[in-house]
């Protein structure tokens, strides 16, 4: 629909009978009003919790190393007492699947909980808005400041706000890079002005993204860039908890001052104060029904309850409820029973099975891994003493935090002998903590003892300390 303000009169360069129509109206800046209440308190609890985890975990130590570190250069992931290698990608896949199903489950039960309470975009927008309010003032003061002309006060407040924003964003970028580079080494490099090019790039890039998204784009990210807003309807149904406006109770709206006025004039409980619109971080009117822009933060429910208390009305004109509960007049117990429906139970069962399977797999995981690569440059060759040998490369990956010794053996062919130049006097090889080592291995048999062709062999690598063994298959080639 073309609005009146989108139609501009012709300027000097157009004829008198022409008008200019803007097909896309410019987005108006949203000034969310601060509020308080049950959902606002929980939102700030989640903000504090998520940020304590994000900024605090990189500084935790486990033994002599960082507790959580994704060391891309060494190709090792340290997660407290776990050491994962690229070959353990299945665990990362499992975590991603569990995260996706958790999102489906929470959305089916209570809508956009992730968006309203823990999404980084929401969290950092709230933090940046808090900083803005502390420096520039409340909603009315910020609007007045922006409309006014440039002055020393405005320059000081705007400059101070952006200085704090940039400092916070750079600290966020520094912490992000600290998950991939030991954060204490990273801090020393920053202090000594010795950052590498990639570390510098990612600190600035992530800091710029935080500064731009939370400071300027804000709700535009949720409304136009985030795909979740678009496909959330596929996970919603009439029994999903969403922020709803009780239209039967609220309409028709009117400027009532006392409860008696509402009864006398036969008007609804909504006094049309528009505070629910003023507190909304995406600028929507919840009274227009469910909209994809709604992130389910509950700010409108908190402010509406405050207004209802002042007017002497019952709370809950705006609240978390379901479409079925609103249409059928269900009480709270009936609504909660409908939440435990087949879709939710299936999501819960699958999610529980995946979590148990992943944890069981991690508990039963071998303390080391073995990969075998046959030397394709040397198919087979004659060695001293009339022996025929094949050459292999064994990679032993020590997933423990202590130095380990491993004994090598092979089977599958009679008179098979294992030889390597790196074995010690005990016929064992040493691998340092959380490291991998490539070991050249030669398998030898008497020449002519078996027929030509490909013969299957099995390598066994056994840990000396705990007697744990890993077996891998390969082939021994005998030329014609």
Protein backbone atom coordinates (compact mmCIF):
# COMPACT_ATOMS: atom_id res chain seq x y z
CA UNK A 1 0.00 0.00 0.00
CA UNK A 2 1.33 3.43 -0.93
CA UNK A 3 1.28 5.80 2.00
CA UNK A 4 0.56 9.49 1.75
CA UNK A 5 4.01 10.40 3.05
CA UNK A 6 5.60 8.35 0.23
CA UNK A 7 4.09 10.70 -2.40
CA UNK A 8 6.27 13.73 -2.95
CA UNK A 9 5.37 16.84 -4.99
CA UNK A 10 7.16 17.42 -8.23
CA UNK A 11 10.39 19.39 -8.06
CA UNK A 12 11.75 21.90 -10.53
CA UNK A 13 13.05 19.16 -12.82
CA UNK A 14 9.63 17.57 -13.42
CA UNK A 15 6.53 18.86 -15.07
CA UNK A 16 3.60 20.18 -13.09
CA UNK A 17 1.54 17.05 -13.80
CA UNK A 18 4.18 14.60 -12.51
CA UNK A 19 4.65 13.20 -9.03
CA UNK A 20 7.46 11.08 -7.57
CA UNK A 21 6.39 7.92 -5.76
CA UNK A 22 8.88 6.05 -3.50
CA UNK A 23 8.12 2.34 -3.71
CA UNK A 24 10.20 1.57 -0.61
CA UNK A 25 9.74 3.72 2.48
CA UNK A 26 12.86 4.41 4.53
CA UNK A 27 13.04 2.45 7.77
CA UNK A 28 12.33 4.61 10.79
CA UNK A 29 14.65 4.34 13.76
CA UNK A 30 13.11 2.47 16.68
CA UNK A 31 13.59 3.81 20.19
CA UNK A 32 12.61 0.94 22.53
CA UNK A 33 11.30 2.10 25.86
CA UNK A 34 12.82 0.48 28.94
CA UNK A 35 10.55 -1.76 30.96
CA UNK A 36 10.60 -4.12 33.91
CA UNK A 37 8.73 -7.23 34.91
CA UNK A 38 8.91 -11.01 35.00
CA UNK A 39 10.05 -11.59 31.42
CA UNK A 40 12.44 -8.64 31.44
CA UNK A 41 14.14 -10.03 34.53
CA UNK A 42 14.53 -13.44 32.89
CA UNK A 43 15.88 -11.83 29.74
CA UNK A 44 18.60 -10.11 31.75
CA UNK A 45 19.34 -13.32 33.63
CA UNK A 46 19.99 -15.01 30.29
CA UNK A 47 22.08 -12.06 29.10
CA UNK A 48 24.30 -12.29 32.17
CA UNK A 49 24.52 -16.07 31.94
CA UNK A 50 25.43 -16.21 28.25
CA UNK A 51 27.99 -13.41 28.54
CA UNK A 52 29.64 -14.87 31.64
CA UNK A 53 30.05 -18.10 29.70
CA UNK A 54 31.27 -16.41 26.51
CA UNK A 55 33.76 -14.03 28.14
CA UNK A 56 34.78 -16.31 31.01
CA UNK A 57 35.30 -19.77 29.52
CA UNK A 58 38.42 -18.89 27.44
CA UNK A 59 40.21 -17.91 30.66
CA UNK A 60 39.58 -21.26 32.34
CA UNK A 61 42.52 -23.66 32.53
CA UNK A 62 42.51 -27.44 32.42
CA UNK A 63 45.82 -28.85 33.52
CA UNK A 64 48.48 -26.83 31.74
CA UNK A 65 46.34 -25.60 28.86
CA UNK A 66 43.22 -23.61 28.02
CA UNK A 67 40.09 -25.57 28.94
CA UNK A 68 38.22 -24.80 25.70
CA UNK A 69 40.38 -24.21 22.64
CA UNK A 70 39.82 -24.91 18.94
CA UNK A 71 43.43 -25.04 17.77
CA UNK A 72 43.01 -24.93 14.01
CA UNK A 73 46.74 -24.66 13.34
CA UNK A 74 47.49 -27.88 15.25
CA UNK A 75 44.20 -29.44 14.10
CA UNK A 76 43.12 -30.30 17.61
CA UNK A 77 40.04 -29.30 19.61
CA UNK A 78 40.38 -29.19 23.39
CA UNK A 79 37.09 -29.40 25.28
CA UNK A 80 38.01 -29.70 28.96
CA UNK A 81 39.29 -33.30 29.31
CA UNK A 82 38.51 -34.19 25.68
CA UNK A 83 41.00 -33.90 22.84
CA UNK A 84 39.35 -34.19 19.41
CA UNK A 85 40.99 -34.53 16.01
CA UNK A 86 39.60 -33.82 12.53
CA UNK A 87 38.75 -37.53 12.36
CA UNK A 88 36.31 -36.92 15.23
CA UNK A 89 34.10 -34.76 13.03
CA UNK A 90 31.21 -37.13 13.80
CA UNK A 91 30.98 -35.61 17.29
CA UNK A 92 30.70 -32.09 15.89
CA UNK A 93 28.02 -33.33 13.51
CA UNK A 94 26.15 -34.86 16.43
CA UNK A 95 26.32 -31.60 18.40
CA UNK A 96 24.97 -29.63 15.43
CA UNK A 97 22.10 -32.09 14.94
CA UNK A 98 21.25 -31.91 18.65
CA UNK A 99 21.32 -28.09 18.49
CA UNK A 100 18.97 -28.07 15.49
CA UNK A 101 16.51 -30.49 17.11
CA UNK A 102 16.63 -28.49 20.34
CA UNK A 103 15.68 -25.40 18.37
CA UNK A 104 12.79 -27.31 16.75
CA UNK A 105 11.63 -28.57 20.16
CA UNK A 106 11.78 -25.20 21.91
CA UNK A 107 10.06 -23.51 18.96
CA UNK A 108 7.25 -26.07 18.89
CA UNK A 109 6.70 -25.63 22.63
CA UNK A 110 7.18 -21.90 23.18
CA UNK A 111 7.90 -20.13 19.92
CA UNK A 112 10.99 -17.99 19.49
CA UNK A 113 12.54 -18.50 22.92
CA UNK A 114 15.99 -18.56 21.35
CA UNK A 115 15.42 -15.23 19.62
CA UNK A 116 13.96 -13.47 22.63
CA UNK A 117 16.38 -14.58 25.32
CA UNK A 118 19.68 -16.06 24.07
CA UNK A 119 20.29 -15.14 20.43
CA UNK A 120 23.56 -13.12 20.18
CA UNK A 121 21.78 -10.48 18.09
CA UNK A 122 19.15 -9.97 20.81
CA UNK A 123 21.67 -10.15 23.65
CA UNK A 124 24.11 -7.63 22.19
CA UNK A 125 21.31 -5.31 21.07
CA UNK A 126 20.05 -5.24 24.67
CA UNK A 127 23.56 -4.52 25.95
CA UNK A 128 24.11 -1.72 23.41
CA UNK A 129 20.68 -0.23 24.20
CA UNK A 130 21.54 -0.29 27.91
CA UNK A 131 24.81 1.55 27.21
CA UNK A 132 22.92 4.05 25.04
CA UNK A 133 20.31 4.67 27.74
CA UNK A 134 22.98 5.18 30.41
CA UNK A 135 24.79 7.80 28.31
CA UNK A 136 22.01 9.52 26.34
CA UNK A 137 19.06 9.05 28.68
CA UNK A 138 15.63 7.42 28.40
CA UNK A 139 13.53 7.05 25.25
CA UNK A 140 12.22 10.61 25.23
CA UNK A 141 15.69 12.05 25.85
CA UNK A 142 17.21 10.01 23.02
CA UNK A 143 14.51 11.07 20.58
CA UNK A 144 14.94 14.72 21.57
CA UNK A 145 18.73 14.45 21.25
CA UNK A 146 18.52 12.99 17.75
CA UNK A 147 16.04 15.61 16.53
CA UNK A 148 18.04 18.50 17.93
CA UNK A 149 20.89 20.24 16.18
CA UNK A 150 24.55 19.59 16.78
CA UNK A 151 25.84 20.94 20.08
CA UNK A 152 28.70 20.28 22.47
CA UNK A 153 26.42 18.17 24.67
CA UNK A 154 25.22 16.09 21.75
CA UNK A 155 28.75 15.60 20.44
CA UNK A 156 29.96 14.54 23.88
CA UNK A 157 27.13 12.07 24.43
CA UNK A 158 27.25 10.60 20.93
CA UNK A 159 31.04 10.38 20.97
CA UNK A 160 31.06 8.79 24.41
CA UNK A 161 28.43 6.25 23.41
CA UNK A 162 30.30 5.19 20.29
CA UNK A 163 33.59 5.01 22.18
CA UNK A 164 32.07 2.56 24.70
CA UNK A 165 30.37 0.63 21.89
CA UNK A 166 33.62 0.24 19.95
CA UNK A 167 35.58 -0.76 23.06
CA UNK A 168 32.98 -3.38 23.96
CA UNK A 169 32.85 -4.67 20.36
CA UNK A 170 36.64 -5.00 20.18
CA UNK A 171 36.68 -6.86 23.49
CA UNK A 172 34.05 -9.18 22.02
CA UNK A 173 36.20 -9.75 18.93
CA UNK A 174 39.25 -10.39 21.12
CA UNK A 175 37.32 -12.98 23.14
CA UNK A 176 36.04 -14.67 19.99
CA UNK A 177 39.57 -15.08 18.61
CA UNK A 178 40.60 -16.34 22.07
CA UNK A 179 38.67 -19.53 21.39
CA UNK A 180 41.01 -20.30 18.47
CA UNK A 181 44.30 -18.86 19.77
CA UNK A 182 45.32 -19.29 23.45
CA UNK A 183 43.81 -16.19 24.96
CA UNK A 184 46.70 -15.44 27.32
CA UNK A 185 49.14 -15.52 24.41
CA UNK A 186 46.69 -13.38 22.44
CA UNK A 187 46.53 -10.86 25.28
CA UNK A 188 50.32 -10.67 25.45
CA UNK A 189 50.46 -10.16 21.68
CA UNK A 190 47.92 -7.32 21.90
CA UNK A 191 49.83 -5.68 24.73
CA UNK A 192 53.10 -6.00 22.82
CA UNK A 193 51.60 -4.88 19.50
CA UNK A 194 52.68 -8.20 18.00
CA UNK A 195 49.41 -9.54 16.61
CA UNK A 196 49.55 -11.64 13.48
CA UNK A 197 47.63 -10.56 10.36
CA UNK A 198 44.87 -13.15 10.69
CA UNK A 199 44.37 -12.48 14.40
CA UNK A 200 44.14 -8.77 13.69
CA UNK A 201 41.68 -9.34 10.86
CA UNK A 202 39.31 -11.52 12.87
CA UNK A 203 39.36 -9.30 15.96
CA UNK A 204 38.48 -6.28 13.83
CA UNK A 205 35.99 -8.17 11.67
CA UNK A 206 34.07 -9.70 14.59
CA UNK A 207 34.24 -6.41 16.50
CA UNK A 208 32.93 -4.50 13.48
CA UNK A 209 30.11 -7.05 13.03
CA UNK A 210 29.11 -6.66 16.68
CA UNK A 211 29.28 -2.86 16.49
CA UNK A 212 27.27 -2.68 13.27
CA UNK A 213 24.65 -5.31 14.02
CA UNK A 214 23.93 -4.37 17.64
CA UNK A 215 24.51 -0.64 17.37
CA UNK A 216 22.90 0.23 14.04
CA UNK A 217 21.07 -2.61 12.28
CA UNK A 218 19.43 -4.07 15.37
CA UNK A 219 15.90 -5.21 14.48
CA UNK A 220 16.73 -5.13 10.75
CA UNK A 221 18.85 -8.27 11.24
CA UNK A 222 15.92 -10.09 12.85
CA UNK A 223 13.39 -8.90 10.29
CA UNK A 224 15.29 -9.18 7.02
CA UNK A 225 18.54 -11.11 7.45
CA UNK A 226 17.74 -13.93 9.86
CA UNK A 227 16.22 -16.97 8.06
CA UNK A 228 14.67 -18.26 11.28
CA UNK A 229 11.98 -15.58 11.14
CA UNK A 230 10.89 -16.90 7.74
CA UNK A 231 10.59 -20.62 8.43
CA UNK A 232 9.39 -20.42 12.04
CA UNK A 233 5.77 -20.78 10.87
CA UNK A 234 6.56 -24.32 9.74
CA UNK A 235 7.32 -25.21 13.39
CA UNK A 236 4.37 -23.35 14.91
CA UNK A 237 0.88 -24.75 15.41
CA UNK A 238 -2.20 -23.72 17.39
CA UNK A 239 -0.76 -25.20 20.61
CA UNK A 240 2.56 -23.31 20.50
CA UNK A 241 3.07 -20.79 23.29
CA UNK A 242 3.40 -17.33 21.76
CA UNK A 243 2.98 -13.75 22.93
CA UNK A 244 -0.69 -13.00 22.27
CA UNK A 245 -3.14 -10.16 22.71
CA UNK A 246 -6.53 -11.10 24.17
CA UNK A 247 -8.69 -9.42 21.55
CA UNK A 248 -11.99 -10.53 23.10
CA UNK A 249 -11.09 -8.84 26.35
CA UNK A 250 -9.23 -5.85 24.94
CA UNK A 251 -11.57 -4.65 22.20
CA UNK A 252 -13.02 -2.17 21.58
CA UNK A 253 -10.20 0.04 22.77
CA UNK A 254 -10.85 3.26 24.61
CA UNK A 255 -9.36 5.91 26.86
CA UNK A 256 -10.87 4.65 30.11
CA UNK A 257 -9.57 6.11 33.35
CA UNK A 258 -11.31 3.82 35.83
CA UNK A 259 -12.74 0.32 35.73
CA UNK A 260 -16.19 1.77 36.13
CA UNK A 261 -15.73 3.77 32.94
CA UNK A 262 -14.92 0.59 31.05
CA UNK A 263 -18.12 -1.09 32.26
CA UNK A 264 -20.21 2.01 31.62
CA UNK A 265 -18.95 2.63 28.10
CA UNK A 266 -18.84 -1.09 27.23
CA UNK A 267 -15.28 -0.83 26.03
CA UNK A 268 -12.41 -3.32 26.29
CA UNK A 269 -9.53 -3.41 28.72
CA UNK A 270 -7.06 -1.94 26.23
CA UNK A 271 -6.76 1.80 26.88
CA UNK A 272 -4.79 2.31 23.63
CA UNK A 273 -1.73 3.72 25.43
CA UNK A 274 0.61 2.26 22.74
CA UNK A 275 3.22 1.38 25.37
CA UNK A 276 3.32 -2.17 24.02
CA UNK A 277 4.54 -0.72 20.72
CA UNK A 278 7.06 1.59 22.40
CA UNK A 279 8.81 -1.23 24.27
CA UNK A 280 8.92 -3.63 21.31
CA UNK A 281 12.52 -4.02 20.02
CA UNK A 282 11.25 -4.69 16.49
CA UNK A 283 8.61 -1.93 16.55
CA UNK A 284 5.49 -4.06 15.91
CA UNK A 285 2.03 -3.77 17.43
CA UNK A 286 1.22 -7.09 19.12
CA UNK A 287 -2.49 -6.17 18.96
CA UNK A 288 -2.39 -6.87 15.22
CA UNK A 289 -1.88 -10.59 15.90
CA UNK A 290 1.06 -12.92 15.41
CA UNK A 291 3.72 -11.43 13.12
CA UNK A 292 6.98 -12.93 11.91
CA UNK A 293 8.89 -9.90 13.28
CA UNK A 294 7.92 -10.82 16.86
CA UNK A 295 10.92 -12.34 18.68
CA UNK A 296 8.89 -13.48 21.69
CA UNK A 297 10.79 -11.41 24.26
CA UNK A 298 7.67 -10.67 26.34
CA UNK A 299 8.46 -6.96 26.82
CA UNK A 300 4.94 -6.00 25.72
CA UNK A 301 3.44 -8.41 28.26
CA UNK A 302 5.48 -6.83 31.07
CA UNK A 303 4.54 -3.25 30.21
CA UNK A 304 0.89 -4.16 29.68
CA UNK A 305 0.70 -5.83 33.10
CA UNK A 306 2.10 -2.63 34.59
CA UNK A 307 -0.63 -0.59 32.91
CA UNK A 308 -3.32 -3.05 34.02
CA UNK A 309 -2.10 -2.76 37.62
CA UNK A 310 -2.34 1.03 37.47
CA UNK A 311 -5.83 0.88 35.97
CA UNK A 312 -7.04 -1.71 38.47
CA UNK A 313 -7.69 -4.30 35.73
CA UNK A 314 -6.76 -7.96 35.73
CA UNK A 315 -3.36 -8.83 34.29
CA UNK A 316 -2.89 -10.91 31.15
CA UNK A 317 -4.27 -8.73 28.39
CA UNK A 318 -0.98 -9.48 26.63
CA UNK A 319 0.55 -12.76 27.69
CA UNK A 320 2.14 -16.04 26.66
CA UNK A 321 -0.66 -18.30 25.47
CA UNK A 322 -1.69 -20.50 22.55
CA UNK A 323 -4.18 -19.93 19.75
CA UNK A 324 -6.30 -22.85 20.96
CA UNK A 325 -6.32 -21.50 24.53
CA UNK A 326 -7.39 -18.06 23.33
CA UNK A 327 -10.09 -19.34 20.97
CA UNK A 328 -11.50 -22.06 23.25
CA UNK A 329 -11.11 -20.25 26.57
CA UNK A 330 -8.83 -22.88 28.11
CA UNK A 331 -7.44 -22.50 31.59
CA UNK A 332 -3.74 -22.78 32.32
CA UNK A 333 -3.82 -26.51 33.15
CA UNK A 334 -5.70 -27.38 29.95
CA UNK A 335 -3.30 -25.29 27.88
CA UNK A 336 -0.21 -26.97 29.38
CA UNK A 337 -1.66 -30.43 28.77
CA UNK A 338 -2.11 -29.61 25.09
CA UNK A 339 1.56 -28.62 24.85
CA UNK A 340 2.62 -32.23 25.42
CA UNK A 341 1.36 -33.29 22.00
CA UNK A 342 2.78 -35.93 19.59
CA UNK A 343 5.14 -33.54 17.79
CA UNK A 344 6.74 -32.43 21.05
CA UNK A 345 7.00 -35.98 22.36
CA UNK A 346 8.68 -37.17 19.15
CA UNK A 347 11.17 -34.29 19.23
CA UNK A 348 11.90 -35.04 22.89
CA UNK A 349 12.40 -38.76 22.30
CA UNK A 350 14.74 -38.24 19.33
CA UNK A 351 16.67 -35.53 21.17
CA UNK A 352 17.07 -37.71 24.27
CA UNK A 353 18.26 -40.65 22.16
CA UNK A 354 20.84 -38.50 20.37
CA UNK A 355 22.16 -36.96 23.59
CA UNK A 356 22.49 -40.34 25.30
CA UNK A 357 24.16 -41.83 22.22
CA UNK A 358 26.65 -38.96 21.96
CA UNK A 359 27.56 -39.08 25.65
CA UNK A 360 27.90 -42.87 25.55
CA UNK A 361 30.13 -42.66 22.49
CA UNK A 362 32.34 -40.07 24.18
CA UNK A 363 32.64 -42.19 27.32
CA UNK A 364 33.58 -45.30 25.33
CA UNK A 365 35.86 -43.42 22.98
CA UNK A 366 39.38 -44.85 22.53
CA UNK A 367 42.20 -42.93 24.17
CA UNK A 368 44.06 -42.89 20.86
CA UNK A 369 43.36 -43.21 17.15
CA UNK A 370 45.30 -44.87 14.35
CA UNK A 371 45.33 -44.09 10.63
CA UNK A 372 47.24 -46.15 8.06
CA UNK A 373 48.46 -44.87 4.72
CA UNK A 374 50.21 -47.29 2.41
CA UNK A 375 53.26 -45.86 0.65
CA UNK A 376 52.03 -45.78 -2.94
CA UNK A 377 55.44 -44.75 -4.22
CA UNK A 378 56.84 -48.15 -3.28
CA UNK A 379 54.50 -51.01 -4.20
CA UNK A 380 56.82 -53.77 -2.97
CA UNK A 381 60.56 -54.26 -2.85
CA UNK A 382 63.23 -56.81 -1.96
CA UNK A 383 65.14 -56.21 1.25
CA UNK A 384 68.23 -57.77 2.75
CA UNK A 385 68.07 -61.43 3.66
CA UNK A 386 65.69 -62.34 0.82
CA UNK A 387 62.75 -60.55 2.40
CA UNK A 388 59.87 -58.94 0.49
CA UNK A 389 58.60 -55.78 2.14
CA UNK A 390 55.80 -53.22 1.87
CA UNK A 391 56.11 -49.73 3.35
CA UNK A 392 53.37 -47.96 5.34
CA UNK A 393 52.86 -44.75 7.29
CA UNK A 394 51.03 -45.08 10.62
CA UNK A 395 49.61 -42.01 12.31
CA UNK A 396 49.05 -42.46 16.04
CA UNK A 397 46.99 -39.70 17.67
CA UNK A 398 47.31 -39.55 21.44
CA UNK A 399 44.02 -38.18 22.83
CA UNK A 400 45.21 -38.20 26.45
CA UNK A 401 46.98 -35.51 28.46
CA UNK A 402 50.01 -37.69 29.24
CA UNK A 403 52.87 -39.22 27.28
CA UNK A 404 52.00 -42.68 26.00
CA UNK A 405 53.96 -45.63 24.62
CA UNK A 406 52.47 -47.90 21.97
CA UNK A 407 53.53 -51.34 20.75
CA UNK A 408 53.03 -52.23 17.08
CA UNK A 409 52.21 -55.66 15.69
CA UNK A 410 50.74 -57.08 12.48
CA UNK A 411 48.97 -60.31 11.51
CA UNK A 412 47.18 -61.94 8.60
CA UNK A 413 50.15 -63.56 6.83
CA UNK A 414 52.45 -66.30 8.13
CA UNK A 415 55.98 -65.26 9.10
CA UNK A 416 54.99 -61.54 8.95
CA UNK A 417 57.57 -59.28 10.56
CA UNK A 418 57.17 -55.64 11.67
CA UNK A 419 60.14 -53.31 11.36
CA UNK A 420 60.59 -49.58 11.98
CA UNK A 421 63.54 -47.28 12.59
CA UNK A 422 61.71 -45.29 15.31
CA UNK A 423 60.99 -48.15 17.72
CA UNK A 424 62.87 -48.11 21.01
CA UNK A 425 64.48 -51.04 22.80
CA UNK A 426 61.08 -52.22 24.00
CA UNK A 427 59.77 -52.25 20.41
CA UNK A 428 57.49 -49.35 21.37
CA UNK A 429 56.98 -45.83 20.04
CA UNK A 430 56.45 -42.75 22.24
CA UNK A 431 53.82 -40.08 21.51
CA UNK A 432 53.64 -36.85 23.51
CA UNK A 433 50.44 -35.65 25.23
CA UNK A 434 47.61 -34.63 22.86
CA UNK A 435 49.86 -34.97 19.83
CA UNK A 436 49.96 -37.12 16.72
CA UNK A 437 52.99 -38.80 15.22
CA UNK A 438 53.64 -40.34 11.82
CA UNK A 439 55.62 -43.58 11.99
CA UNK A 440 57.20 -45.32 8.97
CA UNK A 441 56.58 -49.04 9.21
CA UNK A 442 57.86 -51.91 7.06
CA UNK A 443 56.14 -55.30 6.83
CA UNK A 444 58.38 -58.14 5.64
CA UNK A 445 57.84 -61.76 4.62
CA UNK A 446 60.22 -64.30 3.03
CA UNK A 447 60.22 -63.82 -0.73
CA UNK A 448 58.20 -66.51 -2.48
CA UNK A 449 56.40 -67.66 0.67
CA UNK A 450 52.96 -66.67 -0.65
CA UNK A 451 51.42 -66.29 -4.09
CA UNK A 452 51.30 -62.97 -5.88
CA UNK A 453 48.39 -60.58 -5.42
CA UNK A 454 46.81 -58.51 -2.65
CA UNK A 455 46.67 -60.00 0.85
CA UNK A 456 44.80 -58.48 3.77
CA UNK A 457 46.78 -57.67 6.91
CA UNK A 458 45.79 -56.22 10.26
CA UNK A 459 47.83 -53.72 12.24
CA UNK A 460 47.38 -53.70 16.00
CA UNK A 461 48.55 -50.75 18.09
CA UNK A 462 48.42 -51.37 21.82
CA UNK A 463 48.90 -48.79 24.58
CA UNK A 464 51.45 -49.97 27.13
CA UNK A 465 49.89 -48.10 30.07
CA UNK A 466 46.27 -49.28 29.88
CA UNK A 467 46.60 -52.20 27.42
CA UNK A 468 43.99 -50.62 25.15
CA UNK A 469 44.31 -51.78 21.54
CA UNK A 470 43.19 -50.40 18.18
CA UNK A 471 43.13 -52.58 15.04
CA UNK A 472 43.22 -51.26 11.48
CA UNK A 473 43.16 -53.15 8.16
CA UNK A 474 45.42 -52.74 5.14
CA UNK A 475 46.82 -54.87 2.30
CA UNK A 476 50.19 -56.45 1.53
CA UNK A 477 51.05 -56.55 -2.17
CA UNK A 478 53.09 -59.37 -3.72
CA UNK A 479 54.24 -58.63 -7.30
CA UNK A 480 54.05 -61.21 -10.04
